[in-house]
Amino acid sequence: MSEKIDKAMALFKERKYKEAIDAFSSVLETEPDNADVYNNMGVAYSCAGDYEQAVNYYTKAIELDPELAQAYINLSDLYYKAGDLPSALGTLQRGSYELPDNLAIAHLLARVYIEDQRWEDAIVELERVLDGEPENYDAYYDLGHVCFELGDYESAISNFENVIEYKDNNELLYYALAQAYEANNEIDKAISNYLKAIAVNDKFTLAYKKAGILFLARNDYEDAIEYFEEYINFDIPDEEKDSISKLIERIKAKIK
């Protein structure tokens, strides 16, 4: 029977989804309780664009094996991409109940909680993930985002700094850290991280504007002008370009 499954998987990898579905169906004729095959059928139907059937097969996989983690993950992802947040949450909550030690499900559940702005629930799941995987930088990043949204900027900074231990040279991370420092009124550190974001990606438009604003707030007029001028060289809306250009002229007039 493994030969039939191997054939079905080979067809799937070749993106011959209809043929793969037929091959998996052949396996189910003799193994009607094979939850893994139902899960694979769900993936094949999803890739073929038949989401209703994909849901049916993922659901059947879970019914046959309530501890099949991948089926919960696949089904919740399908719901999430369809914009059905309640169903995605319900699927992951059930998965978490059946598999309380599965940190992948816990992390996905946290991210859906974040999407639903259920910050405290997200924190519970993220802390559970980090208890089991203390070097999970994605979980630190997500926790930093939640803390920022809750106005706990020091905790946000701490979590973003933890991410840097594992993953540096990421402009989005430096930008998030800069925003947290800025919100915590640590202007020098905020500027430093906006500049790091630019150093990693010299086309990171918003970082130039943010750096210019903070240099201006610090009365570093020449630096403010430099970054504002860089900013308006990007493809930004004409209204925004005009507004910043006028600001540059006012700064130049002030330092004459």
Protein backbone atom coordinates (compact mmCIF):
# COMPACT_ATOMS: atom_id res chain seq x y z
CA MET A 1 0.00 0.00 0.00
CA SER A 2 2.93 2.34 0.61
CA GLU A 3 3.65 2.15 -3.12
CA LYS A 4 0.22 3.65 -3.86
CA ILE A 5 0.82 6.41 -1.33
CA ASP A 6 4.26 7.09 -2.80
CA LYS A 7 2.69 7.31 -6.27
CA ALA A 8 0.04 9.73 -5.00
CA MET A 9 2.66 11.89 -3.31
CA ALA A 10 4.79 11.90 -6.46
CA LEU A 11 1.80 13.11 -8.50
CA PHE A 12 1.14 15.80 -5.91
CA LYS A 13 4.74 17.02 -6.06
CA GLU A 14 4.37 17.25 -9.83
CA ARG A 15 1.30 19.45 -9.21
CA LYS A 16 -0.94 16.92 -10.88
CA TYR A 17 -3.57 17.45 -8.23
CA LYS A 18 -6.51 15.69 -9.89
CA GLU A 19 -4.39 12.61 -10.52
CA ALA A 20 -3.06 12.76 -6.96
CA ILE A 21 -6.61 12.94 -5.60
CA ASP A 22 -7.58 9.89 -7.65
CA ALA A 23 -4.50 8.04 -6.38
CA PHE A 24 -5.24 8.92 -2.73
CA SER A 25 -8.88 7.86 -3.26
CA SER A 26 -7.61 4.48 -4.41
CA VAL A 27 -5.74 4.09 -1.13
CA LEU A 28 -8.88 4.93 0.85
CA GLU A 29 -10.75 2.09 -0.82
CA THR A 30 -8.68 -0.34 1.24
CA GLU A 31 -7.71 1.99 4.10
CA PRO A 32 -10.89 3.95 4.82
CA ASP A 33 -9.65 5.02 8.28
CA ASN A 34 -6.27 6.41 7.20
CA ALA A 35 -6.31 9.94 8.64
CA ASP A 36 -3.03 10.89 6.99
CA VAL A 37 -4.45 10.15 3.56
CA TYR A 38 -7.54 12.24 4.28
CA ASN A 39 -5.24 15.07 5.32
CA ASN A 40 -3.22 14.69 2.12
CA MET A 41 -6.45 14.70 0.12
CA GLY A 42 -7.35 17.97 1.82
CA VAL A 43 -4.02 19.48 0.78
CA ALA A 44 -4.49 18.29 -2.80
CA TYR A 45 -8.02 19.70 -2.99
CA SER A 46 -6.81 22.99 -1.49
CA CYS A 47 -4.04 23.26 -4.08
CA ALA A 48 -6.59 22.47 -6.79
CA GLY A 49 -8.76 25.35 -5.56
CA ASP A 50 -11.62 23.19 -4.24
CA TYR A 51 -11.73 24.61 -0.72
CA GLU A 52 -15.05 23.08 0.24
CA GLN A 53 -13.74 19.60 -0.39
CA ALA A 54 -10.47 20.47 1.35
CA VAL A 55 -12.42 21.43 4.48
CA ASN A 56 -14.37 18.16 4.30
CA TYR A 57 -11.23 16.04 4.08
CA TYR A 58 -9.33 17.91 6.80
CA THR A 59 -12.38 17.58 9.05
CA LYS A 60 -12.58 13.84 8.36
CA ALA A 61 -8.87 13.49 9.13
CA ILE A 62 -9.39 15.12 12.52
CA GLU A 63 -12.44 12.97 13.17
CA LEU A 64 -10.40 9.83 12.53
CA ASP A 65 -7.34 11.02 14.43
CA PRO A 66 -7.94 13.90 16.87
CA GLU A 67 -4.18 14.03 17.51
CA LEU A 68 -3.17 14.66 13.88
CA ALA A 69 -1.60 18.08 14.37
CA GLN A 70 -1.04 18.87 10.70
CA ALA A 71 -4.75 18.54 9.93
CA TYR A 72 -5.58 21.26 12.48
CA ILE A 73 -2.85 23.45 11.05
CA ASN A 74 -3.97 22.93 7.46
CA LEU A 75 -7.65 23.45 8.22
CA SER A 76 -7.06 26.60 10.28
CA ASP A 77 -4.82 28.01 7.54
CA LEU A 78 -7.59 27.44 4.99
CA TYR A 79 -10.12 29.25 7.18
CA TYR A 80 -7.67 32.06 7.90
CA LYS A 81 -6.91 32.69 4.23
CA ALA A 82 -10.64 32.73 3.53
CA GLY A 83 -11.07 35.45 6.16
CA ASP A 84 -13.06 33.15 8.48
CA LEU A 85 -11.26 34.06 11.69
CA PRO A 86 -13.77 32.44 14.10
CA SER A 87 -13.44 29.06 12.36
CA ALA A 88 -9.64 29.35 12.31
CA LEU A 89 -9.68 30.09 16.04
CA GLY A 90 -12.07 27.25 16.80
CA THR A 91 -9.95 24.77 14.88
CA LEU A 92 -6.74 25.77 16.64
CA GLN A 93 -8.41 25.89 20.05
CA ARG A 94 -9.59 22.33 19.58
CA GLY A 95 -6.14 21.33 18.36
CA SER A 96 -4.59 22.93 21.42
CA TYR A 97 -7.01 21.05 23.66
CA GLU A 98 -6.25 17.71 22.01
CA LEU A 99 -2.51 18.39 21.75
CA PRO A 100 -1.59 20.66 24.67
CA ASP A 101 2.14 20.09 24.16
CA ASN A 102 2.14 20.99 20.45
CA LEU A 103 3.90 24.35 20.30
CA ALA A 104 3.33 24.86 16.59
CA ILE A 105 -0.42 24.89 17.18
CA ALA A 106 0.02 27.14 20.22
CA HIS A 107 2.03 29.64 18.17
CA LEU A 108 -0.50 29.69 15.34
CA LEU A 109 -3.27 30.15 17.88
CA ALA A 110 -1.39 33.11 19.34
CA ARG A 111 -1.09 34.69 15.89
CA VAL A 112 -4.80 34.35 15.22
CA TYR A 113 -5.48 35.87 18.65
CA ILE A 114 -3.24 38.77 17.60
CA GLU A 115 -5.17 39.15 14.36
CA ASP A 116 -8.36 39.25 16.44
CA GLN A 117 -6.74 41.75 18.86
CA ARG A 118 -7.15 39.37 21.77
CA TRP A 119 -3.87 40.49 23.25
CA GLU A 120 -4.01 38.78 26.66
CA ASP A 121 -4.93 35.42 25.12
CA ALA A 122 -2.05 35.82 22.69
CA ILE A 123 0.38 36.47 25.54
CA VAL A 124 -0.67 33.26 27.30
CA GLU A 125 0.02 31.19 24.18
CA LEU A 126 3.28 32.95 23.33
CA GLU A 127 4.62 32.50 26.85
CA ARG A 128 3.70 28.81 26.60
CA VAL A 129 5.67 28.59 23.35
CA LEU A 130 8.69 30.32 24.86
CA ASP A 131 8.61 28.07 27.93
CA GLY A 132 9.10 25.12 25.59
CA GLU A 133 11.27 26.87 22.98
CA PRO A 134 13.26 29.61 24.72
CA GLU A 135 15.14 30.43 21.51
CA ASN A 136 12.05 30.84 19.31
CA TYR A 137 12.76 34.32 17.90
CA ASP A 138 9.47 34.43 16.00
CA ALA A 139 7.60 34.09 19.29
CA TYR A 140 9.70 36.88 20.84
CA TYR A 141 8.88 39.09 17.85
CA ASP A 142 5.16 38.37 18.14
CA LEU A 143 5.26 38.97 21.89
CA GLY A 144 7.06 42.25 21.30
CA HIS A 145 4.29 43.29 18.91
CA VAL A 146 1.61 42.44 21.48
CA CYS A 147 3.41 44.35 24.25
CA PHE A 148 3.74 47.35 21.93
CA GLU A 149 0.00 47.29 21.21
CA LEU A 150 -0.70 47.16 24.95
CA GLY A 151 1.55 50.16 25.57
CA ASP A 152 4.14 48.15 27.48
CA TYR A 153 7.05 49.58 25.53
CA GLU A 154 9.82 48.36 27.82
CA SER A 155 8.64 44.76 27.41
CA ALA A 156 8.30 45.29 23.68
CA ILE A 157 11.90 46.52 23.55
CA SER A 158 13.11 43.56 25.62
CA ASN A 159 11.41 41.06 23.33
CA PHE A 160 12.61 42.72 20.12
CA GLU A 161 16.15 42.84 21.52
CA ASN A 162 15.86 39.10 22.21
CA VAL A 163 15.09 38.55 18.54
CA ILE A 164 18.24 40.40 17.50
CA GLU A 165 20.27 37.79 19.40
CA TYR A 166 19.09 35.22 16.86
CA LYS A 167 18.24 37.22 13.76
CA ASP A 168 20.03 40.46 12.94
CA ASN A 169 20.23 42.40 9.67
CA ASN A 170 16.45 42.52 9.35
CA GLU A 171 15.09 45.96 8.51
CA LEU A 172 11.58 45.21 9.79
CA LEU A 173 12.96 44.12 13.15
CA TYR A 174 15.11 47.24 13.50
CA TYR A 175 12.12 49.37 12.49
CA ALA A 176 9.87 47.70 15.09
CA LEU A 177 12.54 48.16 17.76
CA ALA A 178 12.97 51.80 16.75
CA GLN A 179 9.24 52.40 17.08
CA ALA A 180 9.26 50.87 20.56
CA TYR A 181 12.21 53.03 21.64
CA GLU A 182 10.49 56.10 20.17
CA ALA A 183 7.26 55.32 22.04
CA ASN A 184 9.33 54.89 25.22
CA ASN A 185 10.88 58.34 24.62
CA GLU A 186 14.38 56.93 24.05
CA ILE A 187 15.05 59.08 21.01
CA ASP A 188 18.75 58.34 20.50
CA LYS A 189 18.17 54.58 20.48
CA ALA A 190 15.16 55.02 18.21
CA ILE A 191 17.25 56.98 15.69
CA SER A 192 20.02 54.39 15.88
CA ASN A 193 17.62 51.61 14.96
CA TYR A 194 15.93 53.56 12.17
CA LEU A 195 19.41 54.06 10.71
CA LYS A 196 20.16 50.36 11.10
CA ALA A 197 16.97 49.60 9.17
CA ILE A 198 18.19 51.90 6.40
CA ALA A 199 21.65 50.30 6.46
CA VAL A 200 20.06 46.90 5.82
CA ASN A 201 17.63 48.21 3.20
CA ASP A 202 18.47 51.61 1.71
CA LYS A 203 15.05 51.71 0.04
CA PHE A 204 13.11 51.47 3.31
CA THR A 205 11.14 54.66 2.72
CA LEU A 206 9.40 55.10 6.07
CA ALA A 207 12.63 54.73 8.03
CA TYR A 208 14.02 57.85 6.30
CA LYS A 209 10.95 59.87 7.27
CA LYS A 210 11.02 58.61 10.85
CA ALA A 211 14.73 59.39 11.17
CA GLY A 212 14.14 62.88 9.79
CA ILE A 213 11.34 63.55 12.27
CA LEU A 214 13.43 62.44 15.24
CA PHE A 215 16.50 64.38 14.12
CA LEU A 216 14.24 67.42 13.86
CA ALA A 217 12.85 66.78 17.35
CA ARG A 218 16.44 66.66 18.60
CA ASN A 219 17.24 69.93 16.79
CA ASP A 220 19.74 68.18 14.53
CA TYR A 221 18.57 70.24 11.59
CA GLU A 222 21.19 69.26 9.02
CA ASP A 223 20.61 65.55 9.63
CA ALA A 224 16.86 66.10 9.51
CA ILE A 225 17.19 67.83 6.13
CA GLU A 226 19.41 65.05 4.81
CA TYR A 227 16.93 62.28 5.63
CA PHE A 228 13.87 64.27 4.55
CA GLU A 229 15.55 64.97 1.20
CA GLU A 230 16.32 61.29 0.80
CA TYR A 231 12.70 60.52 1.64
CA ILE A 232 11.19 62.77 -1.02
CA ASN A 233 13.39 61.17 -3.68
CA PHE A 234 11.33 58.01 -3.32
CA ASP A 235 8.09 57.31 -5.14
CA ILE A 236 5.72 58.78 -2.57
CA PRO A 237 2.37 60.56 -3.08
CA ASP A 238 2.68 64.08 -4.51
CA GLU A 239 0.81 65.56 -1.55
CA GLU A 240 3.25 63.97 0.88
CA LYS A 241 6.24 65.06 -1.22
CA ASP A 242 4.96 68.64 -1.29
CA SER A 243 4.36 68.67 2.47
CA ILE A 244 7.86 67.40 3.31
CA SER A 245 9.45 69.75 0.77
CA LYS A 246 7.81 72.70 2.50
CA LEU A 247 9.03 71.39 5.85
CA ILE A 248 12.59 71.20 4.48
CA GLU A 249 12.37 74.82 3.32
CA ARG A 250 11.17 75.94 6.74
CA ILE A 251 14.06 74.12 8.44
CA LYS A 252 16.58 75.66 6.04
CA ALA A 253 15.13 79.10 6.65
CA LYS A 254 15.41 78.55 10.40
CA ILE A 255 19.13 77.71 10.35
CA LYS A 256 20.21 80.53 8.02
